[in-house]
Amino acid sequence: ANTVWTAEAARAQRLQLQKGKGKEESSADDLVAQVAREMLGEAWLLCFDEFQVTHISDAIIMKRLFSVMFEQGAVVLATSNRPPEDLYLNGLNRPLFLPFIPMLRDFCEVHDINSEVDYRLTTTSEEEDRRVYIHPNGKQERKLLERKFHRIGQGEIISGGRVEAQGRRIVVPKSCATSNVAFFGFKDLCDRPLGAADYLAIASAFHTVFIADIPKLTLQERDQVRRFITLIDAFYERHTKLVCTADRDPITLFEVSEDEKRNSNFDEIFAWDRTASRLIEMQSVKYLSEVTRSMDGEQFLGQFKLSSLFEDDLLEMWRRYDRDDSGHIDQAELRIMLEDILEMHKGHRNISDEVFANCLQTIDENGDGSIDYNEFEKYLRDFSTVSSTVRI
């Protein structure tokens, strides 16, 4: 109460505050530089897939972070759906971000690899009854999806399981006891606040994921669109098999007007092209074959009832064991199949040369040293023969 407030005192306080503010700004810059140096301490080559800027905080920090990295000799390799000039297009306070663009061009060579052909779309499609992306969605399609799932489950279905991701527990509505296969509704995965870590945890826990009732999407469902894009990226990265029902095909599933494309700064619009392409690729024979061949034997055969195989089961098994797509199973490939069967029933893969020779003689009816599909099918259709020759 006895303090005398003077202009001199006010000026001194203002100068002190300004000095403090300068320290804070300097401290913030030092922190960014420290982060950049720590990154370069681990690697001098930095690769970014699908480079994009979506938040004002990222936009502001970008120039400072990359200027330090470039000064320290970093080499940056990145892909993006946009040229540098269109990064953070229509974003909040974009002028604060603009100085980053010429710096990016100064230190990086920009190559336009745009092509009229997306080669991931030029794939061999599955037959109608073996679809993994089922559309349009209706009562019969929902039944088909359920039937596919329950056939893999063989009557042993687990309800209400859990997957943990960074301390969070994600509920799994249904899963199979015999193989790592899960069943979700679209709302279970995209109406809840889940992120990349959650989807990666699901992809790590299950080699096959069923998703029911993927709806038509618009910018009105932007949160769901963003999560679905992240989910597909996670599944694609982990080579997860996706089986789903959807209202529309991948290209038209996300409905955006031309006006929205021109005037919106939402990166989901640009990211969707990648998502649609991946959804189509994930239906291809090549992708599905790679998924099938990457599973361990017990997980793979756990999807089937070997004593009663369907035609689709046999085709899936043929896809796994004809590993070079030659149209024949050679002796090395046959050994892998027999080892898988042995592991499934006996818990080990130690097949003796005597047992292998006996199996080969039984399956290879024409004696040419390799197995064609007819020989393969005839052998596996008769489980008693399989049991006696593999000695399970």
Protein backbone atom coordinates (compact mmCIF):
# COMPACT_ATOMS: atom_id res chain seq x y z
CA ALA A 1 0.00 0.00 0.00
CA ASN A 2 2.99 2.24 0.54
CA THR A 3 4.42 1.56 -2.94
CA VAL A 4 4.64 4.65 -5.09
CA TRP A 5 3.74 3.77 -8.71
CA THR A 6 5.76 5.91 -11.08
CA ALA A 7 6.31 5.99 -14.82
CA GLU A 8 9.90 4.96 -14.20
CA ALA A 9 8.80 1.92 -12.20
CA ALA A 10 6.29 0.94 -14.90
CA ARG A 11 8.95 1.27 -17.59
CA ALA A 12 11.33 -0.90 -15.57
CA GLN A 13 8.68 -3.57 -15.11
CA ARG A 14 7.85 -3.58 -18.84
CA LEU A 15 11.52 -3.98 -19.73
CA GLN A 16 11.81 -6.84 -17.27
CA LEU A 17 8.78 -8.58 -18.75
CA GLN A 18 10.12 -8.11 -22.27
CA LYS A 19 13.45 -9.54 -21.19
CA GLY A 20 11.70 -12.53 -19.69
CA LYS A 21 9.67 -13.02 -22.84
CA GLY A 22 12.85 -13.04 -24.90
CA LYS A 23 14.26 -15.75 -22.67
CA GLU A 24 11.13 -17.83 -23.14
CA GLU A 25 11.33 -17.50 -26.93
CA SER A 26 15.03 -18.31 -26.85
CA SER A 27 14.29 -21.26 -24.63
CA ALA A 28 11.65 -22.53 -27.06
CA ASP A 29 14.09 -22.21 -29.99
CA ASP A 30 16.77 -24.00 -28.00
CA LEU A 31 14.36 -26.83 -27.28
CA VAL A 32 13.54 -27.27 -30.98
CA ALA A 33 17.25 -27.24 -31.81
CA GLN A 34 17.89 -29.84 -29.11
CA VAL A 35 15.18 -32.10 -30.54
CA ALA A 36 16.67 -31.71 -34.04
CA ARG A 37 20.15 -32.58 -32.79
CA GLU A 38 18.86 -35.63 -30.92
CA MET A 39 17.11 -36.86 -34.07
CA LEU A 40 20.32 -36.46 -36.07
CA GLY A 41 22.25 -38.22 -33.35
CA GLU A 42 20.25 -41.35 -34.24
CA ALA A 43 20.17 -41.02 -38.05
CA TRP A 44 21.32 -38.58 -40.73
CA LEU A 45 18.87 -39.93 -43.34
CA LEU A 46 15.23 -39.18 -42.48
CA CYS A 47 12.41 -40.70 -44.53
CA PHE A 48 8.82 -39.45 -44.33
CA ASP A 49 5.95 -41.33 -45.95
CA GLU A 50 2.87 -39.25 -46.85
CA PHE A 51 4.37 -35.94 -45.65
CA GLN A 52 1.62 -33.51 -44.66
CA VAL A 53 0.98 -30.51 -42.39
CA THR A 54 -2.43 -30.29 -40.73
CA HIS A 55 -2.04 -28.28 -37.50
CA ILE A 56 -0.98 -24.70 -36.86
CA SER A 57 1.44 -25.81 -34.13
CA ASP A 58 3.19 -28.14 -36.60
CA ALA A 59 3.24 -25.43 -39.25
CA ILE A 60 4.93 -22.91 -36.94
CA ILE A 61 7.62 -25.28 -35.64
CA MET A 62 8.41 -26.83 -39.03
CA LYS A 63 10.80 -24.17 -40.37
CA ARG A 64 12.88 -23.99 -37.21
CA LEU A 65 13.13 -27.77 -36.86
CA PHE A 66 14.12 -28.44 -40.46
CA SER A 67 16.49 -25.47 -40.69
CA VAL A 68 18.55 -26.92 -37.85
CA MET A 69 18.48 -30.41 -39.38
CA PHE A 70 19.53 -29.15 -42.81
CA GLU A 71 22.31 -27.04 -41.28
CA GLN A 72 23.59 -30.16 -39.50
CA GLY A 73 23.72 -32.09 -42.79
CA ALA A 74 20.49 -34.08 -42.66
CA VAL A 75 19.28 -35.77 -45.84
CA VAL A 76 15.48 -35.86 -46.15
CA LEU A 77 13.52 -38.17 -48.43
CA ALA A 78 9.73 -37.77 -48.42
CA THR A 79 6.61 -38.66 -50.35
CA SER A 80 3.51 -36.49 -50.30
CA ASN A 81 0.12 -36.19 -51.93
CA ARG A 82 0.83 -32.47 -52.42
CA PRO A 83 3.65 -30.41 -53.97
CA PRO A 84 5.48 -28.15 -51.50
CA GLU A 85 3.45 -25.10 -52.55
CA ASP A 86 0.21 -26.82 -51.49
CA LEU A 87 1.34 -27.95 -48.04
CA TYR A 88 -0.95 -26.59 -45.33
CA LEU A 89 -3.11 -25.06 -48.07
CA ASN A 90 -5.93 -22.86 -46.65
CA GLY A 91 -4.59 -23.54 -43.14
CA LEU A 92 -4.99 -21.20 -40.21
CA ASN A 93 -2.34 -18.41 -40.19
CA ARG A 94 -0.67 -20.00 -43.21
CA PRO A 95 1.62 -16.98 -43.80
CA LEU A 96 3.56 -18.09 -40.73
CA PHE A 97 4.27 -21.39 -42.52
CA LEU A 98 5.12 -20.01 -45.97
CA PRO A 99 8.87 -19.36 -45.31
CA PHE A 100 9.30 -23.13 -44.90
CA ILE A 101 8.41 -23.80 -48.56
CA PRO A 102 11.37 -22.07 -50.30
CA MET A 103 13.71 -23.58 -47.70
CA LEU A 104 12.34 -27.04 -48.51
CA ARG A 105 12.92 -26.44 -52.22
CA ASP A 106 16.44 -25.12 -51.58
CA PHE A 107 17.51 -28.28 -49.76
CA CYS A 108 15.40 -30.90 -51.55
CA GLU A 109 14.91 -31.83 -55.18
CA VAL A 110 11.20 -32.14 -55.95
CA HIS A 111 10.12 -34.89 -58.36
CA ASP A 112 6.57 -35.16 -59.64
CA ILE A 113 5.89 -38.89 -59.94
CA ASN A 114 2.23 -38.47 -60.75
CA SER A 115 0.96 -41.16 -63.10
CA GLU A 116 -2.35 -41.66 -64.84
CA VAL A 117 -2.16 -45.32 -63.82
CA ASP A 118 -2.25 -46.49 -60.20
CA TYR A 119 -0.68 -49.91 -60.64
CA ARG A 120 -2.14 -51.12 -57.34
CA LEU A 121 -5.53 -50.93 -59.06
CA THR A 122 -4.48 -53.28 -61.86
CA THR A 123 -4.97 -56.46 -59.85
CA THR A 124 -6.57 -59.82 -60.39
CA SER A 125 -9.91 -59.78 -58.58
CA GLU A 126 -11.25 -62.57 -56.45
CA GLU A 127 -14.26 -64.61 -57.52
CA GLU A 128 -17.63 -63.35 -56.28
CA ASP A 129 -18.01 -65.86 -53.45
CA ARG A 130 -14.49 -65.25 -52.16
CA ARG A 131 -14.69 -61.47 -51.93
CA VAL A 132 -13.02 -59.78 -48.99
CA TYR A 133 -14.47 -56.32 -49.73
CA ILE A 134 -18.21 -56.89 -50.03
CA HIS A 135 -20.46 -54.13 -51.41
CA PRO A 136 -23.08 -52.77 -51.65
CA ASN A 137 -24.09 -53.62 -48.11
CA GLY A 138 -27.41 -55.31 -47.46
CA LYS A 139 -28.99 -58.13 -45.51
CA GLN A 140 -27.49 -60.88 -47.65
CA GLU A 141 -24.04 -59.29 -47.56
CA ARG A 142 -24.14 -59.09 -43.75
CA LYS A 143 -25.06 -62.77 -43.62
CA LEU A 144 -22.17 -63.60 -45.96
CA LEU A 145 -19.71 -61.75 -43.73
CA GLU A 146 -21.00 -63.51 -40.61
CA ARG A 147 -20.85 -66.87 -42.38
CA LYS A 148 -17.23 -66.31 -43.44
CA PHE A 149 -16.26 -65.41 -39.87
CA HIS A 150 -18.08 -68.29 -38.18
CA ARG A 151 -16.66 -70.81 -40.63
CA ILE A 152 -13.16 -69.79 -39.55
CA GLY A 153 -14.25 -69.88 -35.89
CA GLN A 154 -15.52 -73.46 -36.23
CA GLY A 155 -18.02 -72.87 -33.43
CA GLU A 156 -15.37 -71.62 -30.99
CA ILE A 157 -16.06 -67.88 -30.72
CA ILE A 158 -14.80 -65.63 -27.91
CA SER A 159 -16.95 -62.61 -26.97
CA GLY A 160 -15.71 -59.45 -25.30
CA GLY A 161 -11.97 -60.00 -25.58
CA ARG A 162 -9.45 -57.20 -25.03
CA VAL A 163 -6.42 -55.75 -26.78
CA GLU A 164 -4.13 -53.39 -24.89
CA ALA A 165 -2.51 -50.32 -26.44
CA GLN A 166 -0.47 -47.87 -24.37
CA GLY A 167 -2.39 -48.71 -21.23
CA ARG A 168 -5.81 -48.57 -22.91
CA ARG A 169 -8.02 -51.61 -23.36
CA ILE A 170 -9.82 -52.01 -26.66
CA VAL A 171 -12.87 -54.26 -26.60
CA VAL A 172 -12.95 -56.97 -29.29
CA PRO A 173 -16.63 -57.89 -29.82
CA LYS A 174 -15.87 -61.33 -31.29
CA SER A 175 -12.75 -63.35 -32.03
CA CYS A 176 -11.88 -66.93 -32.96
CA ALA A 177 -10.37 -69.32 -30.44
CA THR A 178 -8.54 -71.39 -33.06
CA SER A 179 -6.80 -68.55 -34.92
CA ASN A 180 -6.12 -64.84 -34.42
CA VAL A 181 -9.17 -63.52 -36.25
CA ALA A 182 -11.39 -60.68 -34.92
CA PHE A 183 -14.80 -59.22 -35.80
CA PHE A 184 -15.69 -55.52 -35.30
CA GLY A 185 -18.40 -53.16 -36.41
CA PHE A 186 -17.30 -49.93 -38.10
CA LYS A 187 -18.60 -47.97 -35.12
CA ASP A 188 -16.48 -50.04 -32.72
CA LEU A 189 -13.34 -48.79 -34.45
CA CYS A 190 -14.15 -45.37 -35.92
CA ASP A 191 -16.82 -43.80 -33.69
CA ARG A 192 -14.55 -44.10 -30.66
CA PRO A 193 -11.47 -41.91 -29.95
CA LEU A 194 -8.90 -44.42 -31.22
CA GLY A 195 -5.60 -43.63 -32.92
CA ALA A 196 -2.73 -45.18 -34.81
CA ALA A 197 -1.33 -46.98 -31.74
CA ASP A 198 -4.69 -48.65 -31.12
CA TYR A 199 -5.07 -49.81 -34.72
CA LEU A 200 -1.49 -51.08 -34.82
CA ALA A 201 -2.16 -53.04 -31.61
CA ILE A 202 -5.20 -54.66 -33.25
CA ALA A 203 -3.20 -55.45 -36.40
CA SER A 204 -0.45 -56.99 -34.27
CA ALA A 205 -2.91 -59.14 -32.34
CA PHE A 206 -4.93 -60.41 -35.33
CA HIS A 207 -3.77 -61.49 -38.77
CA THR A 208 -7.34 -61.15 -40.10
CA VAL A 209 -9.91 -58.52 -39.11
CA PHE A 210 -13.58 -58.48 -40.13
CA ILE A 211 -15.34 -55.09 -40.16
CA ALA A 212 -19.10 -54.89 -40.66
CA ASP A 213 -21.17 -52.00 -42.01
CA ILE A 214 -18.70 -49.41 -43.31
CA PRO A 215 -21.02 -46.52 -44.31
CA LYS A 216 -20.79 -43.93 -47.03
CA LEU A 217 -18.59 -41.14 -45.63
CA THR A 218 -18.61 -37.36 -46.12
CA LEU A 219 -16.88 -34.39 -44.52
CA GLN A 220 -19.75 -34.34 -42.02
CA GLU A 221 -18.11 -37.47 -40.58
CA ARG A 222 -14.59 -36.06 -40.72
CA ASP A 223 -13.50 -37.68 -37.44
CA GLN A 224 -14.62 -41.10 -38.66
CA VAL A 225 -12.94 -40.53 -42.03
CA ARG A 226 -9.65 -39.61 -40.36
CA ARG A 227 -9.76 -42.65 -38.09
CA PHE A 228 -10.65 -44.97 -40.97
CA ILE A 229 -7.71 -43.64 -43.02
CA THR A 230 -5.41 -44.24 -40.04
CA LEU A 231 -6.87 -47.73 -39.54
CA ILE A 232 -6.28 -48.75 -43.16
CA ASP A 233 -2.73 -47.36 -43.04
CA ALA A 234 -2.05 -49.47 -39.92
CA PHE A 235 -3.54 -52.65 -41.42
CA TYR A 236 -1.69 -52.15 -44.69
CA GLU A 237 1.60 -51.56 -42.90
CA ARG A 238 1.20 -54.75 -40.84
CA HIS A 239 -0.10 -56.77 -43.81
CA THR A 240 -3.38 -57.54 -42.08
CA LYS A 241 -6.12 -59.25 -44.04
CA LEU A 242 -9.30 -57.15 -44.06
CA VAL A 243 -12.71 -58.69 -44.72
CA CYS A 244 -15.57 -56.20 -44.67
CA THR A 245 -18.96 -55.03 -45.86
CA ALA A 246 -19.33 -51.46 -47.15
CA ASP A 247 -22.03 -49.30 -48.68
CA ARG A 248 -19.90 -48.41 -51.69
CA ASP A 249 -16.74 -49.36 -53.55
CA PRO A 250 -13.48 -47.87 -52.19
CA ILE A 251 -13.26 -45.02 -54.70
CA THR A 252 -16.77 -43.65 -54.05
CA LEU A 253 -17.02 -44.59 -50.36
CA PHE A 254 -15.85 -41.09 -49.34
CA GLU A 255 -18.11 -38.60 -51.11
CA VAL A 256 -16.56 -35.15 -51.63
CA SER A 257 -17.83 -32.46 -53.98
CA GLU A 258 -15.56 -30.67 -56.45
CA ASP A 259 -16.15 -27.45 -54.53
CA GLU A 260 -14.99 -29.12 -51.29
CA LYS A 261 -11.87 -30.38 -53.05
CA ARG A 262 -11.02 -26.88 -54.29
CA ASN A 263 -11.71 -24.90 -51.13
CA SER A 264 -11.12 -27.25 -48.22
CA ASN A 265 -7.88 -27.52 -46.27
CA PHE A 266 -8.79 -30.94 -44.91
CA ASP A 267 -5.98 -33.38 -45.69
CA GLU A 268 -8.43 -36.28 -45.44
CA ILE A 269 -9.59 -35.36 -48.95
CA PHE A 270 -6.09 -35.80 -50.38
CA ALA A 271 -5.28 -38.81 -48.20
CA TRP A 272 -8.36 -40.68 -49.38
CA ASP A 273 -6.85 -41.45 -52.79
CA ARG A 274 -4.16 -43.45 -50.99
CA THR A 275 -6.76 -45.16 -48.79
CA ALA A 276 -8.96 -46.14 -51.74
CA SER A 277 -5.94 -47.48 -53.60
CA ARG A 278 -4.86 -49.52 -50.57
CA LEU A 279 -8.36 -50.91 -50.05
CA ILE A 280 -8.31 -52.14 -53.63
CA GLU A 281 -4.79 -53.55 -53.34
CA MET A 282 -5.79 -55.37 -50.13
CA GLN A 283 -8.30 -57.35 -52.21
CA SER A 284 -5.68 -58.48 -54.72
CA VAL A 285 -4.40 -62.03 -55.06
CA LYS A 286 -0.84 -60.76 -54.55
CA TYR A 287 -1.63 -59.02 -51.24
CA LEU A 288 -3.74 -61.88 -49.90
CA SER A 289 -1.09 -64.41 -50.89
CA GLU A 290 1.56 -62.47 -49.01
CA VAL A 291 -0.67 -62.35 -45.92
CA THR A 292 -1.35 -66.07 -46.14
CA ARG A 293 2.33 -66.96 -46.55
CA SER A 294 3.47 -64.71 -43.71
CA MET A 295 1.38 -66.49 -41.03
CA ASP A 296 2.89 -69.20 -38.90
CA GLY A 297 1.60 -72.67 -39.70
CA GLU A 298 -0.54 -73.15 -36.62
CA GLN A 299 -2.30 -69.80 -37.05
CA PHE A 300 -2.93 -70.51 -40.73
CA LEU A 301 -4.28 -74.04 -40.37
CA GLY A 302 -6.26 -72.98 -37.30
CA GLN A 303 -8.67 -71.30 -39.73
CA PHE A 304 -9.72 -74.64 -41.22
CA LYS A 305 -11.27 -77.90 -40.17
CA LEU A 306 -8.86 -80.29 -41.88
CA SER A 307 -11.22 -83.23 -41.63
CA SER A 308 -13.85 -81.33 -43.65
CA LEU A 309 -12.38 -78.81 -46.08
CA PHE A 310 -14.43 -76.57 -48.37
CA GLU A 311 -13.33 -75.66 -51.88
CA ASP A 312 -12.42 -72.14 -50.71
CA ASP A 313 -10.30 -73.67 -47.94
CA LEU A 314 -8.36 -75.75 -50.43
CA LEU A 315 -7.78 -72.75 -52.69
CA GLU A 316 -6.51 -70.72 -49.71
CA MET A 317 -4.17 -73.56 -48.73
CA TRP A 318 -2.95 -73.90 -52.31
CA ARG A 319 -2.21 -70.16 -52.32
CA ARG A 320 -0.03 -70.56 -49.22
CA TYR A 321 1.96 -73.59 -50.31
CA ASP A 322 2.44 -72.79 -54.01
CA ARG A 323 4.79 -70.11 -52.77
CA ASP A 324 6.32 -69.22 -56.14
CA ASP A 325 2.95 -69.24 -57.98
CA SER A 326 4.29 -71.81 -60.41
CA GLY A 327 1.04 -73.81 -60.55
CA HIS A 328 2.79 -76.77 -58.88
CA ILE A 329 3.97 -77.54 -55.37
CA ASP A 330 7.56 -78.68 -55.38
CA GLN A 331 9.13 -80.89 -52.71
CA ALA A 332 10.38 -77.96 -50.59
CA GLU A 333 6.91 -76.44 -50.59
CA LEU A 334 5.34 -79.82 -49.80
CA ARG A 335 7.64 -80.20 -46.82
CA ILE A 336 6.44 -76.85 -45.43
CA MET A 337 2.82 -78.01 -45.72
CA LEU A 338 3.50 -81.31 -43.98
CA GLU A 339 5.48 -79.54 -41.25
CA ASP A 340 2.55 -77.15 -40.70
CA ILE A 341 0.14 -80.08 -40.35
CA LEU A 342 2.49 -81.86 -37.96
CA GLU A 343 2.94 -78.73 -35.85
CA MET A 344 -0.81 -78.19 -35.73
CA HIS A 345 -1.47 -81.69 -34.35
CA LYS A 346 1.76 -82.66 -32.60
CA GLY A 347 3.33 -79.33 -31.61
CA HIS A 348 6.59 -79.81 -33.55
CA ARG A 349 7.85 -79.60 -37.14
CA ASN A 350 10.31 -82.51 -37.15
CA ILE A 351 9.16 -84.59 -40.08
CA SER A 352 11.52 -87.49 -40.83
CA ASP A 353 12.82 -88.24 -44.29
CA GLU A 354 10.98 -91.56 -44.20
CA VAL A 355 7.62 -89.94 -43.44
CA PHE A 356 8.20 -87.28 -46.07
CA ALA A 357 9.06 -89.85 -48.74
CA ASN A 358 5.93 -91.84 -47.89
CA CYS A 359 3.75 -88.70 -48.13
CA LEU A 360 5.32 -87.70 -51.45
CA GLN A 361 4.74 -91.15 -52.90
CA THR A 362 1.08 -91.04 -51.79
CA ILE A 363 0.34 -87.55 -53.12
CA ASP A 364 2.41 -87.58 -56.31
CA GLU A 365 0.30 -90.04 -58.25
CA ASN A 366 1.99 -89.48 -61.62
CA GLY A 367 5.46 -89.68 -60.11
CA ASP A 368 6.80 -86.50 -61.71
CA GLY A 369 8.27 -85.17 -58.45
CA SER A 370 5.84 -82.24 -58.05
CA ILE A 371 2.21 -81.86 -56.98
CA ASP A 372 -0.52 -80.39 -59.19
CA TYR A 373 -3.78 -79.03 -57.81
CA ASN A 374 -5.79 -82.21 -58.51
CA GLU A 375 -3.29 -84.33 -56.57
CA PHE A 376 -3.21 -81.76 -53.79
CA GLU A 377 -7.03 -81.67 -53.53
CA LYS A 378 -7.44 -85.45 -53.61
CA TYR A 379 -4.92 -85.92 -50.81
CA LEU A 380 -6.36 -83.27 -48.48
CA ARG A 381 -9.97 -84.36 -49.10
CA ASP A 382 -9.18 -87.70 -47.48
CA PHE A 383 -8.20 -86.82 -43.91
CA SER A 384 -7.66 -90.45 -42.98
CA THR A 385 -4.90 -90.65 -45.62
CA VAL A 386 -3.38 -87.40 -44.33
CA SER A 387 -3.45 -88.74 -40.74
CA SER A 388 -1.86 -92.06 -41.60
CA THR A 389 0.89 -90.70 -43.85
CA VAL A 390 1.90 -87.74 -41.65
CA ARG A 391 1.40 -89.97 -38.58
CA ILE A 392 -0.76 -87.62 -36.56
